[in-house]
Amino acid sequence: KGAASKPADDPSMYQLKGAAKVMVTNVTSLLKTVKAVEDEATRGT
């Protein structure tokens, strides 16, 4: 919302890219966690 209609070099665009990166990181983390749940030896790690 903050970056909507702003130019490509606007600071809000960098914030948007950072937020998107965190989003993908957390989705990846969720998938790793789901996989680890099936293997008791790696759950804690």
PDB file of all heavy atoms in Angstrom:
ATOM      1  N   LYS A   1       0.846  -1.210   0.000  1.00  0.00           N
ATOM      2  CA  LYS A   1       0.000   0.000   0.000  1.00  0.00           C
ATOM      3  C   LYS A   1       0.875   1.252   0.000  1.00  0.00           C
ATOM      4  O   LYS A   1       0.598   2.230  -0.695  1.00  0.00           O
ATOM      5  CB  LYS A   1      -0.912  -0.007   1.224  1.00  0.00           C
ATOM      6  CG  LYS A   1      -2.128  -0.918   1.073  1.00  0.00           C
ATOM      7  CD  LYS A   1      -2.793  -1.199   2.408  1.00  0.00           C
ATOM      8  CE  LYS A   1      -3.392   0.033   3.037  1.00  0.00           C
ATOM      9  NZ  LYS A   1      -4.022  -0.276   4.349  1.00  0.00           N
ATOM     10  N   GLY A   2       1.956   1.193   0.792  1.00  0.00           N
ATOM     11  CA  GLY A   2       2.857   2.343   0.891  1.00  0.00           C
ATOM     12  C   GLY A   2       3.614   2.615  -0.394  1.00  0.00           C
ATOM     13  O   GLY A   2       3.985   3.757  -0.682  1.00  0.00           O
ATOM     14  N   ALA A   3       3.867   1.535  -1.168  1.00  0.00           N
ATOM     15  CA  ALA A   3       4.662   1.680  -2.393  1.00  0.00           C
ATOM     16  C   ALA A   3       3.808   1.895  -3.642  1.00  0.00           C
ATOM     17  O   ALA A   3       4.343   2.164  -4.721  1.00  0.00           O
ATOM     18  CB  ALA A   3       5.533   0.432  -2.577  1.00  0.00           C
ATOM     19  N   ALA A   4       2.500   1.763  -3.504  1.00  0.00           N
ATOM     20  CA  ALA A   4       1.603   1.869  -4.659  1.00  0.00           C
ATOM     21  C   ALA A   4       1.797   3.182  -5.422  1.00  0.00           C
ATOM     22  O   ALA A   4       1.827   4.261  -4.818  1.00  0.00           O
ATOM     23  CB  ALA A   4       0.152   1.739  -4.204  1.00  0.00           C
ATOM     24  N   SER A   5       1.984   3.048  -6.726  1.00  0.00           N
ATOM     25  CA  SER A   5       2.119   4.190  -7.656  1.00  0.00           C
ATOM     26  C   SER A   5       3.363   5.051  -7.417  1.00  0.00           C
ATOM     27  O   SER A   5       3.463   6.156  -7.939  1.00  0.00           O
ATOM     28  CB  SER A   5       0.873   5.095  -7.588  1.00  0.00           C
ATOM     29  OG  SER A   5      -0.300   4.337  -7.815  1.00  0.00           O
ATOM     30  N   LYS A   6       4.309   4.558  -6.616  1.00  0.00           N
ATOM     31  CA  LYS A   6       5.549   5.308  -6.372  1.00  0.00           C
ATOM     32  C   LYS A   6       6.597   4.930  -7.427  1.00  0.00           C
ATOM     33  O   LYS A   6       6.569   3.825  -7.970  1.00  0.00           O
ATOM     34  CB  LYS A   6       6.101   4.981  -4.974  1.00  0.00           C
ATOM     35  CG  LYS A   6       5.167   5.337  -3.821  1.00  0.00           C
ATOM     36  CD  LYS A   6       5.231   6.809  -3.491  1.00  0.00           C
ATOM     37  CE  LYS A   6       4.188   7.222  -2.466  1.00  0.00           C
ATOM     38  NZ  LYS A   6       4.332   6.546  -1.187  1.00  0.00           N
ATOM     39  N   PRO A   7       7.560   5.832  -7.709  1.00  0.00           N
ATOM     40  CA  PRO A   7       8.621   5.505  -8.681  1.00  0.00           C
ATOM     41  C   PRO A   7       9.520   4.377  -8.166  1.00  0.00           C
ATOM     42  O   PRO A   7       9.576   4.117  -6.955  1.00  0.00           O
ATOM     43  CB  PRO A   7       9.403   6.817  -8.810  1.00  0.00           C
ATOM     44  CG  PRO A   7       9.049   7.612  -7.597  1.00  0.00           C
ATOM     45  CD  PRO A   7       7.665   7.210  -7.210  1.00  0.00           C
ATOM     46  N   ALA A   8      10.236   3.726  -9.095  1.00  0.00           N
ATOM     47  CA  ALA A   8      11.045   2.540  -8.756  1.00  0.00           C
ATOM     48  C   ALA A   8      12.143   2.830  -7.738  1.00  0.00           C
ATOM     49  O   ALA A   8      12.557   1.938  -6.988  1.00  0.00           O
ATOM     50  CB  ALA A   8      11.653   1.955 -10.026  1.00  0.00           C
ATOM     51  N   ASP A   9      12.638   4.094  -7.687  1.00  0.00           N
ATOM     52  CA  ASP A   9      13.736   4.420  -6.769  1.00  0.00           C
ATOM     53  C   ASP A   9      13.247   5.012  -5.443  1.00  0.00           C
ATOM     54  O   ASP A   9      14.043   5.474  -4.617  1.00  0.00           O
ATOM     55  CB  ASP A   9      14.725   5.365  -7.443  1.00  0.00           C
ATOM     56  CG  ASP A   9      14.058   6.681  -7.896  1.00  0.00           C
ATOM     57  OD1 ASP A   9      12.806   6.739  -7.875  1.00  0.00           O
ATOM     58  OD2 ASP A   9      14.786   7.615  -8.258  1.00  0.00           O
ATOM     59  N   ASP A  10      11.934   4.997  -5.237  1.00  0.00           N
ATOM     60  CA  ASP A  10      11.371   5.519  -3.983  1.00  0.00           C
ATOM     61  C   ASP A  10      11.734   4.583  -2.827  1.00  0.00           C
ATOM     62  O   ASP A  10      11.749   3.359  -2.998  1.00  0.00           O
ATOM     63  CB  ASP A  10       9.840   5.616  -4.098  1.00  0.00           C
ATOM     64  CG  ASP A  10       9.239   6.407  -2.951  1.00  0.00           C
ATOM     65  OD1 ASP A  10       9.204   7.637  -3.030  1.00  0.00           O
ATOM     66  OD2 ASP A  10       8.818   5.753  -1.967  1.00  0.00           O
ATOM     67  N   PRO A  11      12.062   5.128  -1.633  1.00  0.00           N
ATOM     68  CA  PRO A  11      12.412   4.272  -0.478  1.00  0.00           C
ATOM     69  C   PRO A  11      11.352   3.223  -0.150  1.00  0.00           C
ATOM     70  O   PRO A  11      11.681   2.126   0.322  1.00  0.00           O
ATOM     71  CB  PRO A  11      12.541   5.280   0.673  1.00  0.00           C
ATOM     72  CG  PRO A  11      12.880   6.572   0.012  1.00  0.00           C
ATOM     73  CD  PRO A  11      12.179   6.559  -1.314  1.00  0.00           C
ATOM     74  N   SER A  12      10.091   3.553  -0.399  1.00  0.00           N
ATOM     75  CA  SER A  12       9.010   2.598  -0.103  1.00  0.00           C
ATOM     76  C   SER A  12       9.126   1.329  -0.948  1.00  0.00           C
ATOM     77  O   SER A  12       8.677   0.256  -0.544  1.00  0.00           O
ATOM     78  CB  SER A  12       7.638   3.240  -0.325  1.00  0.00           C
ATOM     79  OG  SER A  12       7.480   3.636  -1.677  1.00  0.00           O
ATOM     80  N   MET A  13       9.756   1.458  -2.129  1.00  0.00           N
ATOM     81  CA  MET A  13       9.959   0.286  -2.988  1.00  0.00           C
ATOM     82  C   MET A  13      10.976  -0.668  -2.375  1.00  0.00           C
ATOM     83  O   MET A  13      10.859  -1.888  -2.490  1.00  0.00           O
ATOM     84  CB  MET A  13      10.422   0.723  -4.387  1.00  0.00           C
ATOM     85  CG  MET A  13       9.298   1.264  -5.255  1.00  0.00           C
ATOM     86  SD  MET A  13       8.069  -0.025  -5.623  1.00  0.00           S
ATOM     87  CE  MET A  13       6.933   0.873  -6.675  1.00  0.00           C
ATOM     88  N   TYR A  14      11.990  -0.109  -1.724  1.00  0.00           N
ATOM     89  CA  TYR A  14      12.988  -0.945  -1.044  1.00  0.00           C
ATOM     90  C   TYR A  14      12.355  -1.647   0.160  1.00  0.00           C
ATOM     91  O   TYR A  14      12.660  -2.802   0.454  1.00  0.00           O
ATOM     92  CB  TYR A  14      14.191  -0.096  -0.609  1.00  0.00           C
ATOM     93  CG  TYR A  14      14.962   0.494  -1.765  1.00  0.00           C
ATOM     94  CD1 TYR A  14      14.939   1.868  -2.016  1.00  0.00           C
ATOM     95  CD2 TYR A  14      15.694  -0.324  -2.631  1.00  0.00           C
ATOM     96  CE1 TYR A  14      15.627   2.416  -3.094  1.00  0.00           C
ATOM     97  CE2 TYR A  14      16.389   0.212  -3.710  1.00  0.00           C
ATOM     98  CZ  TYR A  14      16.353   1.582  -3.936  1.00  0.00           C
ATOM     99  OH  TYR A  14      17.027   2.112  -5.003  1.00  0.00           O
ATOM    100  N   GLN A  15      11.474  -0.927   0.852  1.00  0.00           N
ATOM    101  CA  GLN A  15      10.750  -1.532   1.978  1.00  0.00           C
ATOM    102  C   GLN A  15       9.872  -2.681   1.488  1.00  0.00           C
ATOM    103  O   GLN A  15       9.776  -3.719   2.141  1.00  0.00           O
ATOM    104  CB  GLN A  15       9.878  -0.475   2.673  1.00  0.00           C
ATOM    105  CG  GLN A  15      10.673   0.521   3.491  1.00  0.00           C
ATOM    106  CD  GLN A  15       9.768   1.535   4.187  1.00  0.00           C
ATOM    107  OE1 GLN A  15       8.660   1.812   3.735  1.00  0.00           O
ATOM    108  NE2 GLN A  15      10.247   2.092   5.282  1.00  0.00           N
ATOM    109  N   LEU A  16       9.270  -2.489   0.323  1.00  0.00           N
ATOM    110  CA  LEU A  16       8.414  -3.519  -0.265  1.00  0.00           C
ATOM    111  C   LEU A  16       9.223  -4.771  -0.585  1.00  0.00           C
ATOM    112  O   LEU A  16       8.807  -5.892  -0.273  1.00  0.00           O
ATOM    113  CB  LEU A  16       7.752  -2.981  -1.541  1.00  0.00           C
ATOM    114  CG  LEU A  16       6.912  -3.973  -2.357  1.00  0.00           C
ATOM    115  CD1 LEU A  16       5.779  -4.543  -1.529  1.00  0.00           C
ATOM    116  CD2 LEU A  16       6.366  -3.310  -3.619  1.00  0.00           C
ATOM    117  N   LYS A  17      10.396  -4.572  -1.195  1.00  0.00           N
ATOM    118  CA  LYS A  17      11.253  -5.713  -1.529  1.00  0.00           C
ATOM    119  C   LYS A  17      11.706  -6.446  -0.266  1.00  0.00           C
ATOM    120  O   LYS A  17      11.764  -7.668  -0.231  1.00  0.00           O
ATOM    121  CB  LYS A  17      12.468  -5.240  -2.335  1.00  0.00           C
ATOM    122  CG  LYS A  17      12.113  -4.881  -3.787  1.00  0.00           C
ATOM    123  CD  LYS A  17      13.311  -4.318  -4.522  1.00  0.00           C
ATOM    124  CE  LYS A  17      12.915  -3.893  -5.940  1.00  0.00           C
ATOM    125  NZ  LYS A  17      14.023  -3.209  -6.639  1.00  0.00           N
ATOM    126  N   GLY A  18      12.021  -5.672   0.777  1.00  0.00           N
ATOM    127  CA  GLY A  18      12.427  -6.273   2.051  1.00  0.00           C
ATOM    128  C   GLY A  18      11.302  -7.085   2.669  1.00  0.00           C
ATOM    129  O   GLY A  18      11.522  -8.194   3.169  1.00  0.00           O
ATOM    130  N   ALA A  19      10.075  -6.542   2.624  1.00  0.00           N
ATOM    131  CA  ALA A  19       8.904  -7.244   3.174  1.00  0.00           C
ATOM    132  C   ALA A  19       8.620  -8.523   2.397  1.00  0.00           C
ATOM    133  O   ALA A  19       8.254  -9.554   2.976  1.00  0.00           O
ATOM    134  CB  ALA A  19       7.683  -6.326   3.148  1.00  0.00           C
ATOM    135  N   ALA A  20       8.806  -8.463   1.069  1.00  0.00           N
ATOM    136  CA  ALA A  20       8.583  -9.650   0.234  1.00  0.00           C
ATOM    137  C   ALA A  20       9.614 -10.733   0.557  1.00  0.00           C
ATOM    138  O   ALA A  20       9.293 -11.925   0.604  1.00  0.00           O
ATOM    139  CB  ALA A  20       8.669  -9.274  -1.242  1.00  0.00           C
ATOM    140  N   LYS A  21      10.848 -10.307   0.811  1.00  0.00           N
ATOM    141  CA  LYS A  21      11.916 -11.260   1.157  1.00  0.00           C
ATOM    142  C   LYS A  21      11.603 -11.966   2.481  1.00  0.00           C
ATOM    143  O   LYS A  21      11.767 -13.180   2.606  1.00  0.00           O
ATOM    144  CB  LYS A  21      13.251 -10.511   1.253  1.00  0.00           C
ATOM    145  CG  LYS A  21      14.448 -11.429   1.436  1.00  0.00           C
ATOM    146  CD  LYS A  21      15.747 -10.634   1.501  1.00  0.00           C
ATOM    147  CE  LYS A  21      16.920 -11.552   1.777  1.00  0.00           C
ATOM    148  NZ  LYS A  21      18.188 -10.803   1.933  1.00  0.00           N
ATOM    149  N   VAL A  22      11.154 -11.190   3.468  1.00  0.00           N
ATOM    150  CA  VAL A  22      10.782 -11.772   4.775  1.00  0.00           C
ATOM    151  C   VAL A  22       9.624 -12.755   4.609  1.00  0.00           C
ATOM    152  O   VAL A  22       9.602 -13.830   5.212  1.00  0.00           O
ATOM    153  CB  VAL A  22      10.412 -10.660   5.784  1.00  0.00           C
ATOM    154  CG1 VAL A  22       9.808 -11.257   7.056  1.00  0.00           C
ATOM    155  CG2 VAL A  22      11.641  -9.826   6.131  1.00  0.00           C
ATOM    156  N   MET A  23       8.685 -12.378   3.759  1.00  0.00           N
ATOM    157  CA  MET A  23       7.528 -13.234   3.495  1.00  0.00           C
ATOM    158  C   MET A  23       7.961 -14.598   2.944  1.00  0.00           C
ATOM    159  O   MET A  23       7.560 -15.651   3.451  1.00  0.00           O
ATOM    160  CB  MET A  23       6.616 -12.523   2.475  1.00  0.00           C
ATOM    161  CG  MET A  23       5.409 -13.311   2.056  1.00  0.00           C
ATOM    162  SD  MET A  23       4.220 -13.457   3.385  1.00  0.00           S
ATOM    163  CE  MET A  23       3.108 -14.634   2.655  1.00  0.00           C
ATOM    164  N   VAL A  24       8.809 -14.577   1.927  1.00  0.00           N
ATOM    165  CA  VAL A  24       9.289 -15.824   1.312  1.00  0.00           C
ATOM    166  C   VAL A  24      10.123 -16.629   2.318  1.00  0.00           C
ATOM    167  O   VAL A  24      10.008 -17.859   2.394  1.00  0.00           O
ATOM    168  CB  VAL A  24      10.096 -15.525   0.029  1.00  0.00           C
ATOM    169  CG1 VAL A  24      10.734 -16.795  -0.515  1.00  0.00           C
ATOM    170  CG2 VAL A  24       9.189 -14.904  -1.034  1.00  0.00           C
ATOM    171  N   THR A  25      10.937 -15.935   3.114  1.00  0.00           N
ATOM    172  CA  THR A  25      11.745 -16.606   4.151  1.00  0.00           C
ATOM    173  C   THR A  25      10.851 -17.352   5.131  1.00  0.00           C
ATOM    174  O   THR A  25      11.126 -18.502   5.498  1.00  0.00           O
ATOM    175  CB  THR A  25      12.606 -15.574   4.925  1.00  0.00           C
ATOM    176  OG1 THR A  25      13.506 -14.953   4.018  1.00  0.00           O
ATOM    177  CG2 THR A  25      13.399 -16.237   6.041  1.00  0.00           C
ATOM    178  N   ASN A  26       9.753 -16.716   5.543  1.00  0.00           N
ATOM    179  CA  ASN A  26       8.860 -17.329   6.523  1.00  0.00           C
ATOM    180  C   ASN A  26       8.049 -18.483   5.934  1.00  0.00           C
ATOM    181  O   ASN A  26       7.769 -19.458   6.634  1.00  0.00           O
ATOM    182  CB  ASN A  26       7.935 -16.273   7.137  1.00  0.00           C
ATOM    183  CG  ASN A  26       8.660 -15.410   8.152  1.00  0.00           C
ATOM    184  OD1 ASN A  26       9.779 -15.697   8.538  1.00  0.00           O
ATOM    185  ND2 ASN A  26       8.045 -14.343   8.582  1.00  0.00           N
ATOM    186  N   VAL A  27       7.689 -18.382   4.660  1.00  0.00           N
ATOM    187  CA  VAL A  27       6.997 -19.501   4.001  1.00  0.00           C
ATOM    188  C   VAL A  27       7.954 -20.689   3.894  1.00  0.00           C
ATOM    189  O   VAL A  27       7.581 -21.835   4.175  1.00  0.00           O
ATOM    190  CB  VAL A  27       6.475 -19.096   2.598  1.00  0.00           C
ATOM    191  CG1 VAL A  27       5.948 -20.322   1.857  1.00  0.00           C
ATOM    192  CG2 VAL A  27       5.354 -18.059   2.720  1.00  0.00           C
ATOM    193  N   THR A  28       9.204 -20.418   3.514  1.00  0.00           N
ATOM    194  CA  THR A  28      10.227 -21.471   3.417  1.00  0.00           C
ATOM    195  C   THR A  28      10.447 -22.118   4.780  1.00  0.00           C
ATOM    196  O   THR A  28      10.554 -23.342   4.892  1.00  0.00           O
ATOM    197  CB  THR A  28      11.555 -20.879   2.897  1.00  0.00           C
ATOM    198  OG1 THR A  28      11.320 -20.230   1.655  1.00  0.00           O
ATOM    199  CG2 THR A  28      12.598 -21.972   2.694  1.00  0.00           C
ATOM    200  N   SER A  29      10.493 -21.285   5.813  1.00  0.00           N
ATOM    201  CA  SER A  29      10.673 -21.776   7.185  1.00  0.00           C
ATOM    202  C   SER A  29       9.517 -22.689   7.598  1.00  0.00           C
ATOM    203  O   SER A  29       9.724 -23.737   8.223  1.00  0.00           O
ATOM    204  CB  SER A  29      10.784 -20.590   8.147  1.00  0.00           C
ATOM    205  OG  SER A  29      11.027 -21.022   9.463  1.00  0.00           O
ATOM    206  N   LEU A  30       8.301 -22.295   7.228  1.00  0.00           N
ATOM    207  CA  LEU A  30       7.122 -23.118   7.525  1.00  0.00           C
ATOM    208  C   LEU A  30       7.240 -24.489   6.861  1.00  0.00           C
ATOM    209  O   LEU A  30       7.003 -25.517   7.494  1.00  0.00           O
ATOM    210  CB  LEU A  30       5.848 -22.417   7.044  1.00  0.00           C
ATOM    211  CG  LEU A  30       4.562 -23.262   7.009  1.00  0.00           C
ATOM    212  CD1 LEU A  30       4.144 -23.673   8.415  1.00  0.00           C
ATOM    213  CD2 LEU A  30       3.427 -22.516   6.315  1.00  0.00           C
ATOM    214  N   LEU A  31       7.625 -24.513   5.599  1.00  0.00           N
ATOM    215  CA  LEU A  31       7.736 -25.778   4.858  1.00  0.00           C
ATOM    216  C   LEU A  31       8.824 -26.677   5.452  1.00  0.00           C
ATOM    217  O   LEU A  31       8.647 -27.893   5.547  1.00  0.00           O
ATOM    218  CB  LEU A  31       8.021 -25.503   3.380  1.00  0.00           C
ATOM    219  CG  LEU A  31       6.891 -24.786   2.617  1.00  0.00           C
ATOM    220  CD1 LEU A  31       7.296 -24.511   1.194  1.00  0.00           C
ATOM    221  CD2 LEU A  31       5.598 -25.602   2.655  1.00  0.00           C
ATOM    222  N   LYS A  32       9.938 -26.070   5.871  1.00  0.00           N
ATOM    223  CA  LYS A  32      11.011 -26.842   6.518  1.00  0.00           C
ATOM    224  C   LYS A  32      10.509 -27.438   7.836  1.00  0.00           C
ATOM    225  O   LYS A  32      10.834 -28.567   8.184  1.00  0.00           O
ATOM    226  CB  LYS A  32      12.222 -25.936   6.787  1.00  0.00           C
ATOM    227  CG  LYS A  32      13.050 -25.627   5.561  1.00  0.00           C
ATOM    228  CD  LYS A  32      14.235 -24.759   5.969  1.00  0.00           C
ATOM    229  CE  LYS A  32      15.090 -24.364   4.773  1.00  0.00           C
ATOM    230  NZ  LYS A  32      16.173 -23.437   5.172  1.00  0.00           N
ATOM    231  N   THR A  33       9.727 -26.650   8.558  1.00  0.00           N
ATOM    232  CA  THR A  33       9.183 -27.105   9.846  1.00  0.00           C
ATOM    233  C   THR A  33       8.218 -28.267   9.639  1.00  0.00           C
ATOM    234  O   THR A  33       8.263 -29.265  10.368  1.00  0.00           O
ATOM    235  CB  THR A  33       8.473 -25.941  10.568  1.00  0.00           C
ATOM    236  OG1 THR A  33       9.425 -24.904  10.814  1.00  0.00           O
ATOM    237  CG2 THR A  33       7.878 -26.396  11.890  1.00  0.00           C
ATOM    238  N   VAL A  34       7.340 -28.152   8.639  1.00  0.00           N
ATOM    239  CA  VAL A  34       6.381 -29.223   8.331  1.00  0.00           C
ATOM    240  C   VAL A  34       7.119 -30.509   7.990  1.00  0.00           C
ATOM    241  O   VAL A  34       6.763 -31.594   8.457  1.00  0.00           O
ATOM    242  CB  VAL A  34       5.456 -28.798   7.153  1.00  0.00           C
ATOM    243  CG1 VAL A  34       4.642 -29.986   6.661  1.00  0.00           C
ATOM    244  CG2 VAL A  34       4.524 -27.679   7.598  1.00  0.00           C
ATOM    245  N   LYS A  35       8.187 -30.381   7.213  1.00  0.00           N
ATOM    246  CA  LYS A  35       8.985 -31.552   6.838  1.00  0.00           C
ATOM    247  C   LYS A  35       9.663 -32.172   8.057  1.00  0.00           C
ATOM    248  O   LYS A  35       9.685 -33.388   8.220  1.00  0.00           O
ATOM    249  CB  LYS A  35      10.041 -31.144   5.802  1.00  0.00           C
ATOM    250  CG  LYS A  35      10.826 -32.316   5.233  1.00  0.00           C
ATOM    251  CD  LYS A  35      11.842 -31.849   4.203  1.00  0.00           C
ATOM    252  CE  LYS A  35      12.649 -33.039   3.680  1.00  0.00           C
ATOM    253  NZ  LYS A  35      13.714 -32.608   2.740  1.00  0.00           N
ATOM    254  N   ALA A  36      10.206 -31.327   8.932  1.00  0.00           N
ATOM    255  CA  ALA A  36      10.924 -31.808  10.119  1.00  0.00           C
ATOM    256  C   ALA A  36       9.999 -32.499  11.112  1.00  0.00           C
ATOM    257  O   ALA A  36      10.423 -33.412  11.832  1.00  0.00           O
ATOM    258  CB  ALA A  36      11.639 -30.645  10.801  1.00  0.00           C
ATOM    259  N   VAL A  37       8.733 -32.071  11.162  1.00  0.00           N
ATOM    260  CA  VAL A  37       7.766 -32.656  12.094  1.00  0.00           C
ATOM    261  C   VAL A  37       7.620 -34.164  11.846  1.00  0.00           C
ATOM    262  O   VAL A  37       7.396 -34.945  12.770  1.00  0.00           O
ATOM    263  CB  VAL A  37       6.402 -31.935  11.967  1.00  0.00           C
ATOM    264  CG1 VAL A  37       5.265 -32.761  12.539  1.00  0.00           C
ATOM    265  CG2 VAL A  37       6.462 -30.597  12.693  1.00  0.00           C
ATOM    266  N   GLU A  38       7.780 -34.588  10.589  1.00  0.00           N
ATOM    267  CA  GLU A  38       7.644 -36.002  10.249  1.00  0.00           C
ATOM    268  C   GLU A  38       8.863 -36.825  10.649  1.00  0.00           C
ATOM    269  O   GLU A  38       8.819 -38.047  10.662  1.00  0.00           O
ATOM    270  CB  GLU A  38       7.400 -36.146   8.735  1.00  0.00           C
ATOM    271  CG  GLU A  38       6.072 -35.542   8.293  1.00  0.00           C
ATOM    272  CD  GLU A  38       5.865 -35.629   6.796  1.00  0.00           C
ATOM    273  OE1 GLU A  38       6.820 -35.994   6.078  1.00  0.00           O
ATOM    274  OE2 GLU A  38       4.745 -35.339   6.334  1.00  0.00           O
ATOM    275  N   ASP A  39       9.968 -36.131  10.974  1.00  0.00           N
ATOM    276  CA  ASP A  39      11.199 -36.818  11.365  1.00  0.00           C
ATOM    277  C   ASP A  39      11.563 -36.399  12.780  1.00  0.00           C
ATOM    278  O   ASP A  39      12.082 -35.305  12.996  1.00  0.00           O
ATOM    279  CB  ASP A  39      12.315 -36.449  10.374  1.00  0.00           C
ATOM    280  CG  ASP A  39      13.643 -37.101  10.735  1.00  0.00           C
ATOM    281  OD1 ASP A  39      13.650 -37.962  11.642  1.00  0.00           O
ATOM    282  OD2 ASP A  39      14.660 -36.752  10.121  1.00  0.00           O
ATOM    283  N   GLU A  40      11.281 -37.266  13.746  1.00  0.00           N
ATOM    284  CA  GLU A  40      11.481 -36.910  15.154  1.00  0.00           C
ATOM    285  C   GLU A  40      12.918 -36.508  15.470  1.00  0.00           C
ATOM    286  O   GLU A  40      13.156 -35.710  16.366  1.00  0.00           O
ATOM    287  CB  GLU A  40      11.056 -38.083  16.051  1.00  0.00           C
ATOM    288  CG  GLU A  40       9.541 -38.237  16.136  1.00  0.00           C
ATOM    289  CD  GLU A  40       9.115 -39.252  17.193  1.00  0.00           C
ATOM    290  OE1 GLU A  40       9.854 -39.416  18.170  1.00  0.00           O
ATOM    291  OE2 GLU A  40       8.057 -39.859  17.015  1.00  0.00           O
ATOM    292  N   ALA A  41      13.872 -37.043  14.723  1.00  0.00           N
ATOM    293  CA  ALA A  41      15.289 -36.769  14.998  1.00  0.00           C
ATOM    294  C   ALA A  41      15.691 -35.332  14.664  1.00  0.00           C
ATOM    295  O   ALA A  41      16.705 -34.835  15.152  1.00  0.00           O
ATOM    296  CB  ALA A  41      16.168 -37.741  14.222  1.00  0.00           C
ATOM    297  N   THR A  42      14.887 -34.663  13.829  1.00  0.00           N
ATOM    298  CA  THR A  42      15.253 -33.291  13.430  1.00  0.00           C
ATOM    299  C   THR A  42      14.289 -32.230  13.956  1.00  0.00           C
ATOM    300  O   THR A  42      14.474 -31.046  13.687  1.00  0.00           O
ATOM    301  CB  THR A  42      15.307 -33.172  11.886  1.00  0.00           C
ATOM    302  OG1 THR A  42      13.995 -33.434  11.349  1.00  0.00           O
ATOM    303  CG2 THR A  42      16.316 -34.139  11.286  1.00  0.00           C
ATOM    304  N   ARG A  43      13.283 -32.650  14.704  1.00  0.00           N
ATOM    305  CA  ARG A  43      12.277 -31.688  15.184  1.00  0.00           C
ATOM    306  C   ARG A  43      12.883 -30.570  16.021  1.00  0.00           C
ATOM    307  O   ARG A  43      12.578 -29.398  15.828  1.00  0.00           O
ATOM    308  CB  ARG A  43      11.206 -32.405  16.010  1.00  0.00           C
ATOM    309  CG  ARG A  43      10.193 -33.170  15.182  1.00  0.00           C
ATOM    310  CD  ARG A  43       9.146 -33.801  16.087  1.00  0.00           C
ATOM    311  NE  ARG A  43       8.222 -34.637  15.350  1.00  0.00           N
ATOM    312  CZ  ARG A  43       7.216 -35.308  15.912  1.00  0.00           C
ATOM    313  NH1 ARG A  43       7.026 -35.220  17.226  1.00  0.00           N
ATOM    314  NH2 ARG A  43       6.402 -36.053  15.185  1.00  0.00           N
ATOM    315  N   GLY A  44      13.723 -30.945  16.975  1.00  0.00           N
ATOM    316  CA  GLY A  44      14.327 -29.957  17.874  1.00  0.00           C
ATOM    317  C   GLY A  44      15.226 -28.989  17.137  1.00  0.00           C
ATOM    318  O   GLY A  44      15.164 -27.775  17.354  1.00  0.00           O
ATOM    319  N   THR A  45      16.054 -29.525  16.250  1.00  0.00           N
ATOM    320  CA  THR A  45      16.974 -28.695  15.464  1.00  0.00           C
ATOM    321  C   THR A  45      16.200 -27.673  14.642  1.00  0.00           C
ATOM    322  O   THR A  45      16.526 -26.483  14.616  1.00  0.00           O
ATOM    323  CB  THR A  45      17.810 -29.578  14.505  1.00  0.00           C
ATOM    324  OG1 THR A  45      18.494 -30.553  15.285  1.00  0.00           O
ATOM    325  CG2 THR A  45      18.815 -28.762  13.733  1.00  0.00           C
TER     326      THR A  45
END
